[in-house]
Amino acid sequence: MNWEPVIAGSGTSKLFSFRLQDFEVEALQLQQTPEDKDSLNLTAKRLLMGALGFPSNGNKSINTVITQELVKQEVERILAESTNTALNDVDIQNLVKREVESAIADVRRELDERLGELTA
């Protein structure tokens, strides 16, 4: 799977529209800053982008770095899980091998003892 960093503002944009109840509008108004220019839409966008991990200043290079870091962390997590799984499989195989060898050795000892009793 190829991961491409997402640069904010690149590509096409989509319009989102939804209704808020009065108490939600009031909560949104409390979050307004001068940069929102009294626009609840800009406030909602800023808050949503912040929740997604994008800085509100619109710096594309920072957005790219954040996205690349998120992708890097996810890849490292997947690799760590894969490595742990592979190591666990090897550990399980070694454990089974040791147990089988031990069981075979026990059977051989028992056979040797019985053969010794028969020859005596």
N, C-alpha and C. Protein backbone atom coordinates (compact mmCIF):
# COMPACT_ATOMS: atom_id res chain seq x y z
N MET A 1 0.84 -1.17 0.00
CA MET A 1 0.00 0.00 0.00
C MET A 1 0.89 1.23 0.00
N ASN A 2 0.67 2.16 -0.93
CA ASN A 2 1.44 3.38 -1.01
C ASN A 2 0.74 4.49 -0.24
N TRP A 3 1.49 5.18 0.58
CA TRP A 3 0.96 6.30 1.35
C TRP A 3 1.47 7.59 0.74
N GLU A 4 0.59 8.50 0.46
CA GLU A 4 0.95 9.82 -0.05
C GLU A 4 0.62 10.84 1.03
N PRO A 5 1.56 11.75 1.32
CA PRO A 5 1.22 12.78 2.30
C PRO A 5 0.11 13.68 1.77
N VAL A 6 -0.80 14.06 2.62
CA VAL A 6 -1.90 14.93 2.24
C VAL A 6 -1.50 16.36 2.56
N ILE A 7 -1.60 17.22 1.57
CA ILE A 7 -1.30 18.63 1.79
C ILE A 7 -2.62 19.36 1.83
N ALA A 8 -2.86 20.05 2.94
CA ALA A 8 -4.13 20.77 3.08
C ALA A 8 -4.28 21.77 1.95
N GLY A 9 -5.45 21.81 1.38
CA GLY A 9 -5.71 22.76 0.32
C GLY A 9 -5.43 22.21 -1.06
N SER A 10 -4.85 21.02 -1.15
CA SER A 10 -4.59 20.44 -2.47
C SER A 10 -5.79 19.62 -2.90
N GLY A 11 -5.97 19.48 -4.19
CA GLY A 11 -7.07 18.67 -4.69
C GLY A 11 -8.38 19.44 -4.65
N THR A 12 -9.46 18.69 -4.71
CA THR A 12 -10.77 19.32 -4.71
C THR A 12 -11.27 19.49 -3.29
N SER A 13 -12.27 20.33 -3.14
CA SER A 13 -12.86 20.52 -1.82
C SER A 13 -14.31 20.08 -1.86
N LYS A 14 -14.86 19.81 -0.71
CA LYS A 14 -16.25 19.37 -0.57
C LYS A 14 -16.97 20.32 0.38
N LEU A 15 -18.23 20.56 0.10
CA LEU A 15 -19.05 21.39 0.97
C LEU A 15 -19.77 20.49 1.96
N PHE A 16 -19.66 20.82 3.24
CA PHE A 16 -20.37 20.09 4.28
C PHE A 16 -21.46 20.99 4.84
N SER A 17 -22.60 20.42 5.07
CA SER A 17 -23.72 21.17 5.60
C SER A 17 -24.46 20.31 6.61
N PHE A 18 -24.71 20.87 7.78
CA PHE A 18 -25.48 20.15 8.79
C PHE A 18 -26.10 21.15 9.75
N ARG A 19 -27.11 20.73 10.43
CA ARG A 19 -27.83 21.59 11.37
C ARG A 19 -27.30 21.37 12.79
N LEU A 20 -27.33 22.47 13.55
CA LEU A 20 -26.96 22.41 14.96
C LEU A 20 -28.14 22.90 15.79
N GLN A 21 -28.28 22.33 16.95
CA GLN A 21 -29.31 22.81 17.88
C GLN A 21 -28.81 24.11 18.52
N ASP A 22 -29.72 24.85 19.12
CA ASP A 22 -29.37 26.16 19.69
C ASP A 22 -28.21 26.08 20.67
N PHE A 23 -28.23 25.09 21.55
CA PHE A 23 -27.14 25.00 22.55
C PHE A 23 -25.80 24.68 21.87
N GLU A 24 -25.83 23.97 20.74
CA GLU A 24 -24.60 23.68 20.01
C GLU A 24 -24.07 24.93 19.32
N VAL A 25 -24.98 25.76 18.79
CA VAL A 25 -24.59 27.03 18.17
C VAL A 25 -23.97 27.94 19.23
N GLU A 26 -24.58 27.98 20.41
CA GLU A 26 -24.03 28.80 21.49
C GLU A 26 -22.63 28.33 21.89
N ALA A 27 -22.45 27.02 21.96
CA ALA A 27 -21.13 26.47 22.29
C ALA A 27 -20.12 26.84 21.20
N LEU A 28 -20.55 26.80 19.95
CA LEU A 28 -19.67 27.16 18.84
C LEU A 28 -19.31 28.64 18.89
N GLN A 29 -20.29 29.49 19.22
CA GLN A 29 -20.04 30.92 19.34
C GLN A 29 -19.00 31.21 20.42
N LEU A 30 -19.03 30.44 21.50
CA LEU A 30 -18.06 30.63 22.58
C LEU A 30 -16.64 30.30 22.13
N GLN A 31 -16.51 29.53 21.07
CA GLN A 31 -15.20 29.12 20.57
C GLN A 31 -14.65 30.07 19.50
N GLN A 32 -15.42 31.10 19.13
CA GLN A 32 -14.99 32.01 18.07
C GLN A 32 -13.79 32.83 18.49
N THR A 33 -12.93 33.10 17.52
CA THR A 33 -11.76 33.95 17.72
C THR A 33 -11.82 35.06 16.67
N PRO A 34 -11.02 36.12 16.83
CA PRO A 34 -11.02 37.20 15.83
C PRO A 34 -10.69 36.70 14.41
N GLU A 35 -9.86 35.68 14.31
CA GLU A 35 -9.51 35.17 12.98
C GLU A 35 -10.70 34.53 12.27
N ASP A 36 -11.73 34.15 13.02
CA ASP A 36 -12.93 33.56 12.43
C ASP A 36 -13.83 34.62 11.79
N LYS A 37 -13.57 35.90 12.05
CA LYS A 37 -14.31 37.03 11.45
C LYS A 37 -15.82 36.89 11.65
N ASP A 38 -16.22 36.51 12.85
CA ASP A 38 -17.64 36.36 13.19
C ASP A 38 -18.37 35.34 12.32
N SER A 39 -17.64 34.42 11.72
CA SER A 39 -18.26 33.38 10.88
C SER A 39 -18.28 32.06 11.64
N LEU A 40 -19.48 31.56 11.91
CA LEU A 40 -19.57 30.26 12.58
C LEU A 40 -19.03 29.14 11.69
N ASN A 41 -19.14 29.31 10.38
CA ASN A 41 -18.58 28.31 9.46
C ASN A 41 -17.07 28.23 9.62
N LEU A 42 -16.40 29.40 9.68
CA LEU A 42 -14.94 29.40 9.86
C LEU A 42 -14.56 28.83 11.22
N THR A 43 -15.36 29.15 12.24
CA THR A 43 -15.10 28.60 13.57
C THR A 43 -15.21 27.09 13.55
N ALA A 44 -16.29 26.58 12.95
CA ALA A 44 -16.49 25.13 12.88
C ALA A 44 -15.36 24.46 12.10
N LYS A 45 -14.94 25.08 11.00
CA LYS A 45 -13.85 24.51 10.20
C LYS A 45 -12.55 24.49 11.01
N ARG A 46 -12.25 25.59 11.69
CA ARG A 46 -11.02 25.66 12.49
C ARG A 46 -11.02 24.59 13.57
N LEU A 47 -12.15 24.43 14.26
CA LEU A 47 -12.24 23.43 15.32
C LEU A 47 -12.13 22.01 14.77
N LEU A 48 -12.77 21.77 13.64
CA LEU A 48 -12.70 20.44 13.02
C LEU A 48 -11.27 20.13 12.58
N MET A 49 -10.62 21.09 11.94
CA MET A 49 -9.25 20.87 11.49
C MET A 49 -8.33 20.64 12.69
N GLY A 50 -8.56 21.39 13.77
CA GLY A 50 -7.78 21.18 14.98
C GLY A 50 -7.98 19.79 15.56
N ALA A 51 -9.23 19.33 15.55
CA ALA A 51 -9.53 17.98 16.05
C ALA A 51 -8.87 16.91 15.19
N LEU A 52 -8.70 17.20 13.91
CA LEU A 52 -8.05 16.25 13.00
C LEU A 52 -6.53 16.33 13.07
N GLY A 53 -6.01 17.30 13.84
CA GLY A 53 -4.56 17.40 14.02
C GLY A 53 -3.88 18.39 13.11
N PHE A 54 -4.67 19.21 12.40
CA PHE A 54 -4.08 20.21 11.52
C PHE A 54 -4.07 21.55 12.23
N PRO A 55 -2.95 22.28 12.13
CA PRO A 55 -2.89 23.59 12.78
C PRO A 55 -3.85 24.56 12.11
N SER A 56 -4.33 25.54 12.86
CA SER A 56 -5.33 26.46 12.34
C SER A 56 -4.73 27.54 11.46
N ASN A 57 -3.39 27.67 11.42
CA ASN A 57 -2.80 28.74 10.63
C ASN A 57 -2.73 28.42 9.14
N GLY A 58 -3.12 27.21 8.75
CA GLY A 58 -3.16 26.87 7.33
C GLY A 58 -1.80 26.66 6.70
N ASN A 59 -0.76 26.49 7.49
CA ASN A 59 0.58 26.28 6.96
C ASN A 59 0.66 24.90 6.30
N LYS A 60 0.77 24.89 4.97
CA LYS A 60 0.74 23.62 4.24
C LYS A 60 1.93 22.73 4.59
N SER A 61 3.11 23.32 4.79
CA SER A 61 4.27 22.48 5.08
C SER A 61 4.13 21.81 6.45
N ILE A 62 3.55 22.50 7.40
CA ILE A 62 3.32 21.90 8.72
C ILE A 62 2.29 20.78 8.59
N ASN A 63 1.23 21.02 7.80
CA ASN A 63 0.22 19.98 7.59
C ASN A 63 0.84 18.74 6.97
N THR A 64 1.74 18.93 6.02
CA THR A 64 2.41 17.80 5.37
C THR A 64 3.25 17.04 6.38
N VAL A 65 4.00 17.76 7.21
CA VAL A 65 4.84 17.12 8.22
C VAL A 65 3.99 16.34 9.21
N ILE A 66 2.88 16.92 9.64
CA ILE A 66 1.99 16.23 10.57
C ILE A 66 1.46 14.95 9.95
N THR A 67 1.02 15.03 8.69
CA THR A 67 0.49 13.85 8.02
C THR A 67 1.57 12.79 7.84
N GLN A 68 2.77 13.21 7.44
CA GLN A 68 3.87 12.26 7.28
C GLN A 68 4.20 11.60 8.61
N GLU A 69 4.17 12.35 9.70
CA GLU A 69 4.45 11.79 11.02
C GLU A 69 3.39 10.77 11.41
N LEU A 70 2.12 11.09 11.13
CA LEU A 70 1.04 10.14 11.43
C LEU A 70 1.21 8.85 10.64
N VAL A 71 1.57 8.97 9.36
CA VAL A 71 1.79 7.79 8.52
C VAL A 71 2.98 7.00 9.05
N LYS A 72 4.06 7.69 9.41
CA LYS A 72 5.25 7.03 9.94
C LYS A 72 4.91 6.25 11.21
N GLN A 73 4.16 6.86 12.11
CA GLN A 73 3.78 6.18 13.35
C GLN A 73 2.94 4.94 13.06
N GLU A 74 2.02 5.03 12.11
CA GLU A 74 1.17 3.89 11.78
C GLU A 74 1.99 2.76 11.16
N VAL A 75 2.92 3.11 10.27
CA VAL A 75 3.77 2.09 9.65
C VAL A 75 4.64 1.42 10.72
N GLU A 76 5.21 2.21 11.63
CA GLU A 76 6.03 1.65 12.70
C GLU A 76 5.21 0.72 13.59
N ARG A 77 3.96 1.10 13.87
CA ARG A 77 3.09 0.26 14.69
C ARG A 77 2.81 -1.06 13.99
N ILE A 78 2.51 -1.00 12.69
CA ILE A 78 2.23 -2.22 11.93
C ILE A 78 3.46 -3.11 11.87
N LEU A 79 4.64 -2.51 11.63
CA LEU A 79 5.87 -3.30 11.59
C LEU A 79 6.17 -3.93 12.94
N ALA A 80 5.93 -3.20 14.01
CA ALA A 80 6.16 -3.75 15.35
C ALA A 80 5.24 -4.93 15.62
N GLU A 81 3.99 -4.80 15.22
CA GLU A 81 3.05 -5.92 15.40
C GLU A 81 3.48 -7.12 14.56
N SER A 82 3.91 -6.86 13.33
CA SER A 82 4.35 -7.96 12.45
C SER A 82 5.57 -8.64 13.03
N THR A 83 6.52 -7.85 13.52
CA THR A 83 7.74 -8.40 14.11
C THR A 83 7.41 -9.22 15.34
N ASN A 84 6.55 -8.67 16.21
CA ASN A 84 6.18 -9.40 17.42
C ASN A 84 5.49 -10.71 17.07
N THR A 85 4.62 -10.68 16.07
CA THR A 85 3.92 -11.90 15.66
C THR A 85 4.92 -12.91 15.13
N ALA A 86 5.87 -12.46 14.30
CA ALA A 86 6.87 -13.37 13.75
C ALA A 86 7.72 -13.96 14.87
N LEU A 87 8.13 -13.13 15.82
CA LEU A 87 8.92 -13.64 16.93
C LEU A 87 8.11 -14.62 17.76
N ASN A 88 6.86 -14.33 17.97
CA ASN A 88 6.02 -15.24 18.73
C ASN A 88 5.89 -16.57 18.03
N ASP A 89 5.75 -16.55 16.70
CA ASP A 89 5.66 -17.79 15.94
C ASP A 89 6.94 -18.61 16.09
N VAL A 90 8.11 -17.93 16.03
CA VAL A 90 9.39 -18.62 16.19
C VAL A 90 9.49 -19.18 17.60
N ASP A 91 9.11 -18.38 18.60
CA ASP A 91 9.14 -18.85 19.99
C ASP A 91 8.24 -20.07 20.18
N ILE A 92 7.07 -20.03 19.59
CA ILE A 92 6.14 -21.16 19.71
C ILE A 92 6.73 -22.40 19.04
N GLN A 93 7.32 -22.22 17.87
CA GLN A 93 7.93 -23.36 17.17
C GLN A 93 9.06 -23.96 18.00
N ASN A 94 9.90 -23.11 18.58
CA ASN A 94 10.99 -23.60 19.42
C ASN A 94 10.47 -24.32 20.66
N LEU A 95 9.43 -23.77 21.26
CA LEU A 95 8.84 -24.39 22.44
C LEU A 95 8.28 -25.77 22.09
N VAL A 96 7.56 -25.87 20.99
CA VAL A 96 7.01 -27.16 20.56
C VAL A 96 8.13 -28.14 20.28
N LYS A 97 9.18 -27.67 19.60
CA LYS A 97 10.32 -28.55 19.28
C LYS A 97 10.96 -29.09 20.56
N ARG A 98 11.18 -28.21 21.55
CA ARG A 98 11.78 -28.65 22.81
C ARG A 98 10.88 -29.66 23.53
N GLU A 99 9.58 -29.39 23.53
CA GLU A 99 8.65 -30.31 24.20
C GLU A 99 8.62 -31.67 23.52
N VAL A 100 8.64 -31.68 22.19
CA VAL A 100 8.64 -32.95 21.45
C VAL A 100 9.93 -33.71 21.72
N GLU A 101 11.06 -33.01 21.68
CA GLU A 101 12.35 -33.66 21.95
C GLU A 101 12.38 -34.23 23.37
N SER A 102 11.84 -33.48 24.32
CA SER A 102 11.79 -33.95 25.71
C SER A 102 10.91 -35.19 25.83
N ALA A 103 9.76 -35.17 25.15
CA ALA A 103 8.85 -36.33 25.20
C ALA A 103 9.51 -37.55 24.56
N ILE A 104 10.21 -37.35 23.45
CA ILE A 104 10.91 -38.47 22.78
C ILE A 104 11.99 -39.03 23.70
N ALA A 105 12.73 -38.16 24.37
CA ALA A 105 13.77 -38.61 25.29
C ALA A 105 13.16 -39.41 26.44
N ASP A 106 12.01 -38.98 26.96
CA ASP A 106 11.33 -39.72 28.03
C ASP A 106 10.92 -41.11 27.55
N VAL A 107 10.38 -41.19 26.34
CA VAL A 107 9.96 -42.49 25.78
C VAL A 107 11.17 -43.39 25.60
N ARG A 108 12.28 -42.83 25.11
CA ARG A 108 13.50 -43.64 24.92
C ARG A 108 14.01 -44.19 26.25
N ARG A 109 14.02 -43.34 27.29
CA ARG A 109 14.47 -43.79 28.61
C ARG A 109 13.58 -44.93 29.10
N GLU A 110 12.28 -44.76 28.94
CA GLU A 110 11.36 -45.79 29.39
C GLU A 110 11.57 -47.09 28.62
N LEU A 111 11.77 -46.98 27.30
CA LEU A 111 12.05 -48.18 26.48
C LEU A 111 13.35 -48.84 26.91
N ASP A 112 14.38 -48.02 27.13
CA ASP A 112 15.67 -48.57 27.56
C ASP A 112 15.52 -49.30 28.89
N GLU A 113 14.75 -48.71 29.83
CA GLU A 113 14.53 -49.36 31.12
C GLU A 113 13.81 -50.69 30.95
N ARG A 114 12.80 -50.71 30.13
CA ARG A 114 12.03 -51.95 29.92
C ARG A 114 12.87 -53.01 29.20
N LEU A 115 13.67 -52.55 28.21
CA LEU A 115 14.54 -53.50 27.52
C LEU A 115 15.59 -54.06 28.48
N GLY A 116 16.07 -53.19 29.37
CA GLY A 116 17.02 -53.64 30.37
C GLY A 116 16.41 -54.67 31.30
N GLU A 117 15.15 -54.48 31.67
CA GLU A 117 14.47 -55.44 32.53
C GLU A 117 14.26 -56.77 31.81
N LEU A 118 14.00 -56.71 30.52
CA LEU A 118 13.78 -57.94 29.76
C LEU A 118 15.07 -58.74 29.59
N THR A 119 16.19 -58.08 29.41
CA THR A 119 17.46 -58.78 29.22
C THR A 119 18.04 -59.27 30.53
N ALA A 120 17.62 -58.74 31.63
CA ALA A 120 18.18 -59.15 32.91
C ALA A 120 17.56 -60.39 33.45
